[in-house]
Amino acid sequence: MERKYLLTAFGYGILGLVLGIYMAATKNHGQLVTHAHIMLLGFVVTFVYAVVGKLWPVDSTSLMARIQFYSHQLATPVLILGLFLMYGGLAPAPVVGALLAVSSLVVLLSFILMKVMIIKALKQ
């Protein structure tokens, strides 16, 4: 699972840097919030999950580990896309609001599941 997290993290890092370079080149920083979420939630949190999995190995074949991984990997791009649409003026906040709310809650759930898995791993 650590390898999947690591590769995904660097994919988000590349995406975030490309968006940041685009904003700098165009001097249009309207997607600053989207950029921040890509870099922090996409790159940093996903990278931390990879490191945590390496330092405190969890049973990556367990149902909880699979739910945690896929919930984070499905909700994060949905959240990022919703922010991109909203801050790009492509969709008004009321339209993407529910999408952002649900995806944020799923990301939170995956964070909580990671904490539970770490607690279990530390008890062993």
PDB file of N, CA and C in Angstrom:
ATOM      1  N   MET A   1       0.827  -1.186   0.000  1.00  0.00           N
ATOM      2  CA  MET A   1       0.000   0.000   0.000  1.00  0.00           C
ATOM      3  C   MET A   1       0.877   1.258   0.000  1.00  0.00           C
ATOM      4  N   GLU A   2       2.043   1.167   0.666  1.00  0.00           N
ATOM      5  CA  GLU A   2       2.917   2.335   0.733  1.00  0.00           C
ATOM      6  C   GLU A   2       3.344   2.792  -0.660  1.00  0.00           C
ATOM      7  N   ARG A   3       3.601   1.836  -1.527  1.00  0.00           N
ATOM      8  CA  ARG A   3       4.032   2.172  -2.890  1.00  0.00           C
ATOM      9  C   ARG A   3       2.921   2.918  -3.635  1.00  0.00           C
ATOM     10  N   LYS A   4       1.699   2.450  -3.487  1.00  0.00           N
ATOM     11  CA  LYS A   4       0.570   3.125  -4.131  1.00  0.00           C
ATOM     12  C   LYS A   4       0.436   4.548  -3.611  1.00  0.00           C
ATOM     13  N   TYR A   5       0.556   4.713  -2.299  1.00  0.00           N
ATOM     14  CA  TYR A   5       0.476   6.051  -1.723  1.00  0.00           C
ATOM     15  C   TYR A   5       1.601   6.943  -2.231  1.00  0.00           C
ATOM     16  N   LEU A   6       2.802   6.410  -2.281  1.00  0.00           N
ATOM     17  CA  LEU A   6       3.957   7.193  -2.704  1.00  0.00           C
ATOM     18  C   LEU A   6       3.805   7.666  -4.152  1.00  0.00           C
ATOM     19  N   LEU A   7       3.435   6.756  -5.028  1.00  0.00           N
ATOM     20  CA  LEU A   7       3.266   7.123  -6.442  1.00  0.00           C
ATOM     21  C   LEU A   7       2.124   8.118  -6.628  1.00  0.00           C
ATOM     22  N   THR A   8       1.041   7.917  -5.902  1.00  0.00           N
ATOM     23  CA  THR A   8      -0.091   8.836  -5.983  1.00  0.00           C
ATOM     24  C   THR A   8       0.304  10.213  -5.458  1.00  0.00           C
ATOM     25  N   ALA A   9       1.051  10.252  -4.364  1.00  0.00           N
ATOM     26  CA  ALA A   9       1.484  11.522  -3.787  1.00  0.00           C
ATOM     27  C   ALA A   9       2.281  12.334  -4.798  1.00  0.00           C
ATOM     28  N   PHE A  10       3.202  11.694  -5.473  1.00  0.00           N
ATOM     29  CA  PHE A  10       4.016  12.430  -6.435  1.00  0.00           C
ATOM     30  C   PHE A  10       3.209  12.838  -7.665  1.00  0.00           C
ATOM     31  N   GLY A  11       2.184  12.081  -7.989  1.00  0.00           N
ATOM     32  CA  GLY A  11       1.277  12.509  -9.060  1.00  0.00           C
ATOM     33  C   GLY A  11       0.564  13.795  -8.680  1.00  0.00           C
ATOM     34  N   TYR A  12       0.071  13.857  -7.440  1.00  0.00           N
ATOM     35  CA  TYR A  12      -0.554  15.084  -6.948  1.00  0.00           C
ATOM     36  C   TYR A  12       0.457  16.226  -6.891  1.00  0.00           C
ATOM     37  N   GLY A  13       1.673  15.920  -6.470  1.00  0.00           N
ATOM     38  CA  GLY A  13       2.707  16.951  -6.400  1.00  0.00           C
ATOM     39  C   GLY A  13       2.979  17.570  -7.761  1.00  0.00           C
ATOM     40  N   ILE A  14       3.057  16.737  -8.782  1.00  0.00           N
ATOM     41  CA  ILE A  14       3.271  17.237 -10.145  1.00  0.00           C
ATOM     42  C   ILE A  14       2.093  18.102 -10.574  1.00  0.00           C
ATOM     43  N   LEU A  15       0.884  17.623 -10.334  1.00  0.00           N
ATOM     44  CA  LEU A  15      -0.314  18.391 -10.701  1.00  0.00           C
ATOM     45  C   LEU A  15      -0.342  19.740  -9.984  1.00  0.00           C
ATOM     46  N   GLY A  16      -0.048  19.742  -8.705  1.00  0.00           N
ATOM     47  CA  GLY A  16      -0.050  20.978  -7.934  1.00  0.00           C
ATOM     48  C   GLY A  16       1.010  21.963  -8.402  1.00  0.00           C
ATOM     49  N   LEU A  17       2.191  21.454  -8.725  1.00  0.00           N
ATOM     50  CA  LEU A  17       3.245  22.327  -9.210  1.00  0.00           C
ATOM     51  C   LEU A  17       2.909  22.903 -10.582  1.00  0.00           C
ATOM     52  N   VAL A  18       2.318  22.093 -11.441  1.00  0.00           N
ATOM     53  CA  VAL A  18       1.907  22.593 -12.761  1.00  0.00           C
ATOM     54  C   VAL A  18       0.885  23.710 -12.604  1.00  0.00           C
ATOM     55  N   LEU A  19      -0.090  23.521 -11.724  1.00  0.00           N
ATOM     56  CA  LEU A  19      -1.082  24.572 -11.495  1.00  0.00           C
ATOM     57  C   LEU A  19      -0.424  25.815 -10.906  1.00  0.00           C
ATOM     58  N   GLY A  20       0.499  25.643  -9.989  1.00  0.00           N
ATOM     59  CA  GLY A  20       1.208  26.779  -9.397  1.00  0.00           C
ATOM     60  C   GLY A  20       2.025  27.544 -10.426  1.00  0.00           C
ATOM     61  N   ILE A  21       2.712  26.825 -11.297  1.00  0.00           N
ATOM     62  CA  ILE A  21       3.497  27.468 -12.351  1.00  0.00           C
ATOM     63  C   ILE A  21       2.578  28.211 -13.314  1.00  0.00           C
ATOM     64  N   TYR A  22       1.447  27.604 -13.644  1.00  0.00           N
ATOM     65  CA  TYR A  22       0.474  28.263 -14.516  1.00  0.00           C
ATOM     66  C   TYR A  22      -0.030  29.562 -13.877  1.00  0.00           C
ATOM     67  N   MET A  23      -0.350  29.514 -12.597  1.00  0.00           N
ATOM     68  CA  MET A  23      -0.839  30.720 -11.925  1.00  0.00           C
ATOM     69  C   MET A  23       0.238  31.808 -11.918  1.00  0.00           C
ATOM     70  N   ALA A  24       1.479  31.420 -11.678  1.00  0.00           N
ATOM     71  CA  ALA A  24       2.568  32.398 -11.673  1.00  0.00           C
ATOM     72  C   ALA A  24       2.777  32.991 -13.062  1.00  0.00           C
ATOM     73  N   ALA A  25       2.736  32.143 -14.082  1.00  0.00           N
ATOM     74  CA  ALA A  25       2.973  32.613 -15.448  1.00  0.00           C
ATOM     75  C   ALA A  25       1.870  33.554 -15.930  1.00  0.00           C
ATOM     76  N   THR A  26       0.639  33.275 -15.537  1.00  0.00           N
ATOM     77  CA  THR A  26      -0.488  34.100 -15.991  1.00  0.00           C
ATOM     78  C   THR A  26      -0.796  35.245 -15.030  1.00  0.00           C
ATOM     79  N   LYS A  27      -0.129  35.239 -13.878  1.00  0.00           N
ATOM     80  CA  LYS A  27      -0.396  36.225 -12.819  1.00  0.00           C
ATOM     81  C   LYS A  27      -1.867  36.218 -12.397  1.00  0.00           C
ATOM     82  N   ASN A  28      -2.489  35.068 -12.546  1.00  0.00           N
ATOM     83  CA  ASN A  28      -3.874  34.864 -12.119  1.00  0.00           C
ATOM     84  C   ASN A  28      -3.844  33.796 -11.026  1.00  0.00           C
ATOM     85  N   HIS A  29      -4.040  34.231  -9.793  1.00  0.00           N
ATOM     86  CA  HIS A  29      -3.953  33.314  -8.656  1.00  0.00           C
ATOM     87  C   HIS A  29      -5.333  32.911  -8.140  1.00  0.00           C
ATOM     88  N   GLY A  30      -6.295  32.890  -9.033  1.00  0.00           N
ATOM     89  CA  GLY A  30      -7.662  32.547  -8.668  1.00  0.00           C
ATOM     90  C   GLY A  30      -7.830  31.112  -8.191  1.00  0.00           C
ATOM     91  N   GLN A  31      -6.896  30.249  -8.551  1.00  0.00           N
ATOM     92  CA  GLN A  31      -6.976  28.843  -8.141  1.00  0.00           C
ATOM     93  C   GLN A  31      -6.064  28.542  -6.945  1.00  0.00           C
ATOM     94  N   LEU A  32      -5.735  29.566  -6.174  1.00  0.00           N
ATOM     95  CA  LEU A  32      -4.841  29.384  -5.031  1.00  0.00           C
ATOM     96  C   LEU A  32      -5.361  28.339  -4.042  1.00  0.00           C
ATOM     97  N   VAL A  33      -6.654  28.368  -3.774  1.00  0.00           N
ATOM     98  CA  VAL A  33      -7.241  27.402  -2.831  1.00  0.00           C
ATOM     99  C   VAL A  33      -7.140  25.986  -3.400  1.00  0.00           C
ATOM    100  N   THR A  34      -7.405  25.850  -4.686  1.00  0.00           N
ATOM    101  CA  THR A  34      -7.292  24.540  -5.336  1.00  0.00           C
ATOM    102  C   THR A  34      -5.850  24.049  -5.275  1.00  0.00           C
ATOM    103  N   HIS A  35      -4.916  24.932  -5.603  1.00  0.00           N
ATOM    104  CA  HIS A  35      -3.488  24.597  -5.563  1.00  0.00           C
ATOM    105  C   HIS A  35      -3.085  24.131  -4.161  1.00  0.00           C
ATOM    106  N   ALA A  36      -3.537  24.862  -3.145  1.00  0.00           N
ATOM    107  CA  ALA A  36      -3.198  24.501  -1.764  1.00  0.00           C
ATOM    108  C   ALA A  36      -3.748  23.124  -1.401  1.00  0.00           C
ATOM    109  N   HIS A  37      -4.968  22.835  -1.819  1.00  0.00           N
ATOM    110  CA  HIS A  37      -5.557  21.525  -1.519  1.00  0.00           C
ATOM    111  C   HIS A  37      -4.849  20.395  -2.275  1.00  0.00           C
ATOM    112  N   ILE A  38      -4.452  20.643  -3.493  1.00  0.00           N
ATOM    113  CA  ILE A  38      -3.702  19.622  -4.240  1.00  0.00           C
ATOM    114  C   ILE A  38      -2.399  19.316  -3.514  1.00  0.00           C
ATOM    115  N   MET A  39      -1.684  20.376  -3.131  1.00  0.00           N
ATOM    116  CA  MET A  39      -0.376  20.174  -2.506  1.00  0.00           C
ATOM    117  C   MET A  39      -0.477  19.594  -1.094  1.00  0.00           C
ATOM    118  N   LEU A  40      -1.428  20.078  -0.305  1.00  0.00           N
ATOM    119  CA  LEU A  40      -1.505  19.605   1.079  1.00  0.00           C
ATOM    120  C   LEU A  40      -2.258  18.288   1.203  1.00  0.00           C
ATOM    121  N   LEU A  41      -3.478  18.255   0.707  1.00  0.00           N
ATOM    122  CA  LEU A  41      -4.279  17.037   0.837  1.00  0.00           C
ATOM    123  C   LEU A  41      -3.786  15.959  -0.130  1.00  0.00           C
ATOM    124  N   GLY A  42      -3.515  16.362  -1.362  1.00  0.00           N
ATOM    125  CA  GLY A  42      -3.080  15.398  -2.363  1.00  0.00           C
ATOM    126  C   GLY A  42      -1.657  14.925  -2.140  1.00  0.00           C
ATOM    127  N   PHE A  43      -0.705  15.859  -2.092  1.00  0.00           N
ATOM    128  CA  PHE A  43       0.701  15.466  -1.974  1.00  0.00           C
ATOM    129  C   PHE A  43       1.102  15.153  -0.541  1.00  0.00           C
ATOM    130  N   VAL A  44       0.982  16.127   0.359  1.00  0.00           N
ATOM    131  CA  VAL A  44       1.526  15.962   1.708  1.00  0.00           C
ATOM    132  C   VAL A  44       0.830  14.853   2.490  1.00  0.00           C
ATOM    133  N   VAL A  45      -0.488  14.886   2.564  1.00  0.00           N
ATOM    134  CA  VAL A  45      -1.198  13.869   3.348  1.00  0.00           C
ATOM    135  C   VAL A  45      -0.974  12.477   2.748  1.00  0.00           C
ATOM    136  N   THR A  46      -1.047  12.371   1.440  1.00  0.00           N
ATOM    137  CA  THR A  46      -0.839  11.067   0.804  1.00  0.00           C
ATOM    138  C   THR A  46       0.590  10.578   1.039  1.00  0.00           C
ATOM    139  N   PHE A  47       1.560  11.486   0.982  1.00  0.00           N
ATOM    140  CA  PHE A  47       2.950  11.123   1.257  1.00  0.00           C
ATOM    141  C   PHE A  47       3.118  10.675   2.712  1.00  0.00           C
ATOM    142  N   VAL A  48       2.467  11.384   3.622  1.00  0.00           N
ATOM    143  CA  VAL A  48       2.526  11.003   5.043  1.00  0.00           C
ATOM    144  C   VAL A  48       1.944   9.605   5.232  1.00  0.00           C
ATOM    145  N   TYR A  49       0.849   9.307   4.539  1.00  0.00           N
ATOM    146  CA  TYR A  49       0.281   7.958   4.622  1.00  0.00           C
ATOM    147  C   TYR A  49       1.303   6.918   4.173  1.00  0.00           C
ATOM    148  N   ALA A  50       2.068   7.208   3.133  1.00  0.00           N
ATOM    149  CA  ALA A  50       3.095   6.272   2.658  1.00  0.00           C
ATOM    150  C   ALA A  50       4.178   6.074   3.717  1.00  0.00           C
ATOM    151  N   VAL A  51       4.623   7.154   4.322  1.00  0.00           N
ATOM    152  CA  VAL A  51       5.671   7.089   5.345  1.00  0.00           C
ATOM    153  C   VAL A  51       5.174   6.346   6.583  1.00  0.00           C
ATOM    154  N   VAL A  52       3.960   6.675   7.006  1.00  0.00           N
ATOM    155  CA  VAL A  52       3.381   6.018   8.176  1.00  0.00           C
ATOM    156  C   VAL A  52       3.269   4.511   7.930  1.00  0.00           C
ATOM    157  N   GLY A  53       2.815   4.151   6.735  1.00  0.00           N
ATOM    158  CA  GLY A  53       2.690   2.734   6.405  1.00  0.00           C
ATOM    159  C   GLY A  53       4.018   2.008   6.408  1.00  0.00           C
ATOM    160  N   LYS A  54       5.080   2.722   6.090  1.00  0.00           N
ATOM    161  CA  LYS A  54       6.416   2.118   6.088  1.00  0.00           C
ATOM    162  C   LYS A  54       6.975   2.003   7.513  1.00  0.00           C
ATOM    163  N   LEU A  55       6.752   3.031   8.314  1.00  0.00           N
ATOM    164  CA  LEU A  55       7.291   3.040   9.676  1.00  0.00           C
ATOM    165  C   LEU A  55       6.504   2.151  10.639  1.00  0.00           C
ATOM    166  N   TRP A  56       5.194   2.156  10.500  1.00  0.00           N
ATOM    167  CA  TRP A  56       4.323   1.353  11.350  1.00  0.00           C
ATOM    168  C   TRP A  56       3.461   0.490  10.447  1.00  0.00           C
ATOM    169  N   PRO A  57       4.025  -0.608   9.957  1.00  0.00           N
ATOM    170  CA  PRO A  57       3.299  -1.427   8.974  1.00  0.00           C
ATOM    171  C   PRO A  57       1.922  -1.852   9.472  1.00  0.00           C
ATOM    172  N   VAL A  58       0.952  -1.624   8.611  1.00  0.00           N
ATOM    173  CA  VAL A  58      -0.417  -2.047   8.898  1.00  0.00           C
ATOM    174  C   VAL A  58      -0.746  -3.183   7.944  1.00  0.00           C
ATOM    175  N   ASP A  59      -1.763  -3.916   8.265  1.00  0.00           N
ATOM    176  CA  ASP A  59      -2.200  -5.001   7.397  1.00  0.00           C
ATOM    177  C   ASP A  59      -2.879  -4.400   6.170  1.00  0.00           C
ATOM    178  N   SER A  60      -2.121  -4.237   5.107  1.00  0.00           N
ATOM    179  CA  SER A  60      -2.649  -3.572   3.914  1.00  0.00           C
ATOM    180  C   SER A  60      -3.659  -4.425   3.160  1.00  0.00           C
ATOM    181  N   THR A  61      -3.819  -5.676   3.571  1.00  0.00           N
ATOM    182  CA  THR A  61      -4.817  -6.528   2.917  1.00  0.00           C
ATOM    183  C   THR A  61      -6.162  -6.485   3.644  1.00  0.00           C
ATOM    184  N   SER A  62      -6.205  -5.814   4.785  1.00  0.00           N
ATOM    185  CA  SER A  62      -7.443  -5.783   5.554  1.00  0.00           C
ATOM    186  C   SER A  62      -8.486  -4.927   4.839  1.00  0.00           C
ATOM    187  N   LEU A  63      -9.730  -5.176   5.162  1.00  0.00           N
ATOM    188  CA  LEU A  63     -10.827  -4.405   4.583  1.00  0.00           C
ATOM    189  C   LEU A  63     -10.710  -2.934   4.977  1.00  0.00           C
ATOM    190  N   MET A  64     -10.328  -2.677   6.230  1.00  0.00           N
ATOM    191  CA  MET A  64     -10.200  -1.298   6.688  1.00  0.00           C
ATOM    192  C   MET A  64      -9.126  -0.556   5.883  1.00  0.00           C
ATOM    193  N   ALA A  65      -8.006  -1.203   5.625  1.00  0.00           N
ATOM    194  CA  ALA A  65      -6.931  -0.565   4.858  1.00  0.00           C
ATOM    195  C   ALA A  65      -7.377  -0.258   3.433  1.00  0.00           C
ATOM    196  N   ARG A  66      -8.111  -1.172   2.838  1.00  0.00           N
ATOM    197  CA  ARG A  66      -8.596  -0.933   1.463  1.00  0.00           C
ATOM    198  C   ARG A  66      -9.634   0.187   1.437  1.00  0.00           C
ATOM    199  N   ILE A  67     -10.526   0.190   2.415  1.00  0.00           N
ATOM    200  CA  ILE A  67     -11.519   1.270   2.491  1.00  0.00           C
ATOM    201  C   ILE A  67     -10.812   2.604   2.699  1.00  0.00           C
ATOM    202  N   GLN A  68      -9.826   2.626   3.578  1.00  0.00           N
ATOM    203  CA  GLN A  68      -9.093   3.854   3.855  1.00  0.00           C
ATOM    204  C   GLN A  68      -8.397   4.362   2.593  1.00  0.00           C
ATOM    205  N   PHE A  69      -7.705   3.493   1.899  1.00  0.00           N
ATOM    206  CA  PHE A  69      -6.977   3.898   0.697  1.00  0.00           C
ATOM    207  C   PHE A  69      -7.926   4.422  -0.373  1.00  0.00           C
ATOM    208  N   TYR A  70      -8.935   3.631  -0.700  1.00  0.00           N
ATOM    209  CA  TYR A  70      -9.814   4.013  -1.806  1.00  0.00           C
ATOM    210  C   TYR A  70     -10.722   5.194  -1.459  1.00  0.00           C
ATOM    211  N   SER A  71     -11.102   5.323  -0.207  1.00  0.00           N
ATOM    212  CA  SER A  71     -11.920   6.488   0.147  1.00  0.00           C
ATOM    213  C   SER A  71     -11.105   7.764  -0.026  1.00  0.00           C
ATOM    214  N   HIS A  72      -9.843   7.726   0.375  1.00  0.00           N
ATOM    215  CA  HIS A  72      -8.987   8.905   0.197  1.00  0.00           C
ATOM    216  C   HIS A  72      -8.737   9.169  -1.292  1.00  0.00           C
ATOM    217  N   GLN A  73      -8.487   8.105  -2.033  1.00  0.00           N
ATOM    218  CA  GLN A  73      -8.144   8.263  -3.446  1.00  0.00           C
ATOM    219  C   GLN A  73      -9.346   8.617  -4.319  1.00  0.00           C
ATOM    220  N   LEU A  74     -10.540   8.348  -3.881  1.00  0.00           N
ATOM    221  CA  LEU A  74     -11.730   8.753  -4.627  1.00  0.00           C
ATOM    222  C   LEU A  74     -12.197  10.151  -4.219  1.00  0.00           C
ATOM    223  N   ALA A  75     -12.153  10.442  -2.934  1.00  0.00           N
ATOM    224  CA  ALA A  75     -12.679  11.722  -2.452  1.00  0.00           C
ATOM    225  C   ALA A  75     -11.747  12.893  -2.753  1.00  0.00           C
ATOM    226  N   THR A  76     -10.453  12.674  -2.691  1.00  0.00           N
ATOM    227  CA  THR A  76      -9.511  13.778  -2.911  1.00  0.00           C
ATOM    228  C   THR A  76      -9.642  14.383  -4.310  1.00  0.00           C
ATOM    229  N   PRO A  77      -9.642  13.589  -5.388  1.00  0.00           N
ATOM    230  CA  PRO A  77      -9.811  14.206  -6.710  1.00  0.00           C
ATOM    231  C   PRO A  77     -11.169  14.867  -6.891  1.00  0.00           C
ATOM    232  N   VAL A  78     -12.208  14.312  -6.277  1.00  0.00           N
ATOM    233  CA  VAL A  78     -13.535  14.924  -6.364  1.00  0.00           C
ATOM    234  C   VAL A  78     -13.512  16.292  -5.683  1.00  0.00           C
ATOM    235  N   LEU A  79     -12.896  16.361  -4.518  1.00  0.00           N
ATOM    236  CA  LEU A  79     -12.762  17.620  -3.797  1.00  0.00           C
ATOM    237  C   LEU A  79     -11.973  18.638  -4.617  1.00  0.00           C
ATOM    238  N   ILE A  80     -10.863  18.200  -5.176  1.00  0.00           N
ATOM    239  CA  ILE A  80     -10.017  19.086  -5.984  1.00  0.00           C
ATOM    240  C   ILE A  80     -10.768  19.570  -7.222  1.00  0.00           C
ATOM    241  N   LEU A  81     -11.470  18.674  -7.884  1.00  0.00           N
ATOM    242  CA  LEU A  81     -12.238  19.061  -9.067  1.00  0.00           C
ATOM    243  C   LEU A  81     -13.327  20.070  -8.701  1.00  0.00           C
ATOM    244  N   GLY A  82     -14.016  19.839  -7.600  1.00  0.00           N
ATOM    245  CA  GLY A  82     -15.048  20.773  -7.150  1.00  0.00           C
ATOM    246  C   GLY A  82     -14.480  22.153  -6.877  1.00  0.00           C
ATOM    247  N   LEU A  83     -13.331  22.204  -6.227  1.00  0.00           N
ATOM    248  CA  LEU A  83     -12.682  23.492  -5.963  1.00  0.00           C
ATOM    249  C   LEU A  83     -12.253  24.165  -7.258  1.00  0.00           C
ATOM    250  N   PHE A  84     -11.715  23.373  -8.178  1.00  0.00           N
ATOM    251  CA  PHE A  84     -11.276  23.918  -9.470  1.00  0.00           C
ATOM    252  C   PHE A  84     -12.455  24.537 -10.216  1.00  0.00           C
ATOM    253  N   LEU A  85     -13.574  23.832 -10.229  1.00  0.00           N
ATOM    254  CA  LEU A  85     -14.764  24.356 -10.913  1.00  0.00           C
ATOM    255  C   LEU A  85     -15.289  25.614 -10.239  1.00  0.00           C
ATOM    256  N   MET A  86     -15.315  25.603  -8.911  1.00  0.00           N
ATOM    257  CA  MET A  86     -15.851  26.747  -8.179  1.00  0.00           C
ATOM    258  C   MET A  86     -14.941  27.972  -8.309  1.00  0.00           C
ATOM    259  N   TYR A  87     -13.647  27.801  -8.043  1.00  0.00           N
ATOM    260  CA  TYR A  87     -12.729  28.944  -8.084  1.00  0.00           C
ATOM    261  C   TYR A  87     -12.396  29.371  -9.515  1.00  0.00           C
ATOM    262  N   GLY A  88     -12.652  28.490 -10.473  1.00  0.00           N
ATOM    263  CA  GLY A  88     -12.468  28.863 -11.868  1.00  0.00           C
ATOM    264  C   GLY A  88     -13.685  29.546 -12.455  1.00  0.00           C
ATOM    265  N   GLY A  89     -14.739  29.664 -11.657  1.00  0.00           N
ATOM    266  CA  GLY A  89     -15.956  30.295 -12.130  1.00  0.00           C
ATOM    267  C   GLY A  89     -16.739  29.436 -13.108  1.00  0.00           C
ATOM    268  N   LEU A  90     -16.437  28.154 -13.122  1.00  0.00           N
ATOM    269  CA  LEU A  90     -17.109  27.226 -14.038  1.00  0.00           C
ATOM    270  C   LEU A  90     -18.391  26.653 -13.451  1.00  0.00           C
ATOM    271  N   ALA A  91     -18.503  26.709 -12.129  1.00  0.00           N
ATOM    272  CA  ALA A  91     -19.707  26.228 -11.446  1.00  0.00           C
ATOM    273  C   ALA A  91     -19.876  27.050 -10.168  1.00  0.00           C
ATOM    274  N   PRO A  92     -21.079  27.527  -9.901  1.00  0.00           N
ATOM    275  CA  PRO A  92     -21.291  28.327  -8.687  1.00  0.00           C
ATOM    276  C   PRO A  92     -21.217  27.465  -7.428  1.00  0.00           C
ATOM    277  N   ALA A  93     -20.880  28.108  -6.333  1.00  0.00           N
ATOM    278  CA  ALA A  93     -20.738  27.403  -5.052  1.00  0.00           C
ATOM    279  C   ALA A  93     -21.959  26.574  -4.678  1.00  0.00           C
ATOM    280  N   PRO A  94     -23.194  27.074  -4.858  1.00  0.00           N
ATOM    281  CA  PRO A  94     -24.341  26.248  -4.495  1.00  0.00           C
ATOM    282  C   PRO A  94     -24.426  24.936  -5.299  1.00  0.00           C
ATOM    283  N   VAL A  95     -23.910  24.953  -6.509  1.00  0.00           N
ATOM    284  CA  VAL A  95     -23.963  23.747  -7.347  1.00  0.00           C
ATOM    285  C   VAL A  95     -22.954  22.708  -6.864  1.00  0.00           C
ATOM    286  N   VAL A  96     -21.738  23.135  -6.533  1.00  0.00           N
ATOM    287  CA  VAL A  96     -20.708  22.179  -6.113  1.00  0.00           C
ATOM    288  C   VAL A  96     -20.625  22.027  -4.598  1.00  0.00           C
ATOM    289  N   GLY A  97     -21.420  22.787  -3.877  1.00  0.00           N
ATOM    290  CA  GLY A  97     -21.364  22.755  -2.413  1.00  0.00           C
ATOM    291  C   GLY A  97     -21.566  21.377  -1.821  1.00  0.00           C
ATOM    292  N   ALA A  98     -22.577  20.674  -2.281  1.00  0.00           N
ATOM    293  CA  ALA A  98     -22.843  19.328  -1.746  1.00  0.00           C
ATOM    294  C   ALA A  98     -21.707  18.374  -2.090  1.00  0.00           C
ATOM    295  N   LEU A  99     -21.186  18.500  -3.293  1.00  0.00           N
ATOM    296  CA  LEU A  99     -20.060  17.665  -3.732  1.00  0.00           C
ATOM    297  C   LEU A  99     -18.841  17.909  -2.847  1.00  0.00           C
ATOM    298  N   LEU A 100     -18.565  19.169  -2.566  1.00  0.00           N
ATOM    299  CA  LEU A 100     -17.441  19.512  -1.692  1.00  0.00           C
ATOM    300  C   LEU A 100     -17.661  19.013  -0.273  1.00  0.00           C
ATOM    301  N   ALA A 101     -18.892  19.129   0.209  1.00  0.00           N
ATOM    302  CA  ALA A 101     -19.193  18.680   1.570  1.00  0.00           C
ATOM    303  C   ALA A 101     -19.009  17.171   1.712  1.00  0.00           C
ATOM    304  N   VAL A 102     -19.576  16.419   0.786  1.00  0.00           N
ATOM    305  CA  VAL A 102     -19.481  14.953   0.862  1.00  0.00           C
ATOM    306  C   VAL A 102     -18.038  14.497   0.704  1.00  0.00           C
ATOM    307  N   SER A 103     -17.332  15.039  -0.277  1.00  0.00           N
ATOM    308  CA  SER A 103     -15.948  14.609  -0.487  1.00  0.00           C
ATOM    309  C   SER A 103     -15.075  14.985   0.713  1.00  0.00           C
ATOM    310  N   SER A 104     -15.331  16.141   1.331  1.00  0.00           N
ATOM    311  CA  SER A 104     -14.572  16.533   2.527  1.00  0.00           C
ATOM    312  C   SER A 104     -14.817  15.558   3.675  1.00  0.00           C
ATOM    313  N   LEU A 105     -16.057  15.147   3.850  1.00  0.00           N
ATOM    314  CA  LEU A 105     -16.377  14.193   4.914  1.00  0.00           C
ATOM    315  C   LEU A 105     -15.746  12.827   4.661  1.00  0.00           C
ATOM    316  N   VAL A 106     -15.694  12.413   3.415  1.00  0.00           N
ATOM    317  CA  VAL A 106     -15.061  11.124   3.089  1.00  0.00           C
ATOM    318  C   VAL A 106     -13.553  11.196   3.328  1.00  0.00           C
ATOM    319  N   VAL A 107     -12.927  12.328   2.992  1.00  0.00           N
ATOM    320  CA  VAL A 107     -11.503  12.505   3.286  1.00  0.00           C
ATOM    321  C   VAL A 107     -11.277  12.456   4.796  1.00  0.00           C
ATOM    322  N   LEU A 108     -12.150  13.094   5.554  1.00  0.00           N
ATOM    323  CA  LEU A 108     -12.060  13.046   7.018  1.00  0.00           C
ATOM    324  C   LEU A 108     -12.193  11.610   7.521  1.00  0.00           C
ATOM    325  N   LEU A 109     -13.141  10.878   6.981  1.00  0.00           N
ATOM    326  CA  LEU A 109     -13.312   9.475   7.355  1.00  0.00           C
ATOM    327  C   LEU A 109     -12.034   8.679   7.089  1.00  0.00           C
ATOM    328  N   SER A 110     -11.413   8.899   5.945  1.00  0.00           N
ATOM    329  CA  SER A 110     -10.182   8.162   5.629  1.00  0.00           C
ATOM    330  C   SER A 110      -9.063   8.540   6.591  1.00  0.00           C
ATOM    331  N   PHE A 111      -9.039   9.790   7.014  1.00  0.00           N
ATOM    332  CA  PHE A 111      -8.039  10.236   7.996  1.00  0.00           C
ATOM    333  C   PHE A 111      -8.256   9.526   9.330  1.00  0.00           C
ATOM    334  N   ILE A 112      -9.505   9.443   9.740  1.00  0.00           N
ATOM    335  CA  ILE A 112      -9.842   8.758  10.996  1.00  0.00           C
ATOM    336  C   ILE A 112      -9.492   7.273  10.903  1.00  0.00           C
ATOM    337  N   LEU A 113      -9.792   6.661   9.760  1.00  0.00           N
ATOM    338  CA  LEU A 113      -9.448   5.246   9.584  1.00  0.00           C
ATOM    339  C   LEU A 113      -7.941   5.029   9.670  1.00  0.00           C
ATOM    340  N   MET A 114      -7.158   5.956   9.117  1.00  0.00           N
ATOM    341  CA  MET A 114      -5.700   5.823   9.212  1.00  0.00           C
ATOM    342  C   MET A 114      -5.264   5.881  10.673  1.00  0.00           C
ATOM    343  N   LYS A 115      -5.864   6.762  11.448  1.00  0.00           N
ATOM    344  CA  LYS A 115      -5.515   6.839  12.865  1.00  0.00           C
ATOM    345  C   LYS A 115      -5.840   5.529  13.573  1.00  0.00           C
ATOM    346  N   VAL A 116      -6.990   4.961  13.278  1.00  0.00           N
ATOM    347  CA  VAL A 116      -7.367   3.677  13.878  1.00  0.00           C
ATOM    348  C   VAL A 116      -6.363   2.593  13.493  1.00  0.00           C
ATOM    349  N   MET A 117      -5.959   2.568  12.234  1.00  0.00           N
ATOM    350  CA  MET A 117      -4.988   1.559  11.784  1.00  0.00           C
ATOM    351  C   MET A 117      -3.633   1.759  12.461  1.00  0.00           C
ATOM    352  N   ILE A 118      -3.236   3.012  12.667  1.00  0.00           N
ATOM    353  CA  ILE A 118      -1.967   3.285  13.355  1.00  0.00           C
ATOM    354  C   ILE A 118      -2.048   2.817  14.797  1.00  0.00           C
ATOM    355  N   ILE A 119      -3.157   3.098  15.458  1.00  0.00           N
ATOM    356  CA  ILE A 119      -3.337   2.662  16.849  1.00  0.00           C
ATOM    357  C   ILE A 119      -3.237   1.140  16.928  1.00  0.00           C
ATOM    358  N   LYS A 120      -3.886   0.443  15.992  1.00  0.00           N
ATOM    359  CA  LYS A 120      -3.820  -1.020  15.969  1.00  0.00           C
ATOM    360  C   LYS A 120      -2.384  -1.505  15.745  1.00  0.00           C
ATOM    361  N   ALA A 121      -1.679  -0.858  14.824  1.00  0.00           N
ATOM    362  CA  ALA A 121      -0.310  -1.261  14.516  1.00  0.00           C
ATOM    363  C   ALA A 121       0.627  -1.030  15.708  1.00  0.00           C
ATOM    364  N   LEU A 122       0.392   0.044  16.447  1.00  0.00           N
ATOM    365  CA  LEU A 122       1.242   0.349  17.597  1.00  0.00           C
ATOM    366  C   LEU A 122       1.009  -0.626  18.757  1.00  0.00           C
ATOM    367  N   LYS A 123      -0.156  -1.255  18.811  1.00  0.00           N
ATOM    368  CA  LYS A 123      -0.455  -2.214  19.881  1.00  0.00           C
ATOM    369  C   LYS A 123       0.234  -3.557  19.649  1.00  0.00           C
ATOM    370  N   GLN A 124       0.642  -3.820  18.438  1.00  0.00           N
ATOM    371  CA  GLN A 124       1.241  -5.123  18.116  1.00  0.00           C
ATOM    372  C   GLN A 124       2.689  -5.197  18.538  1.00  0.00           C
TER     373      GLN A 124
END
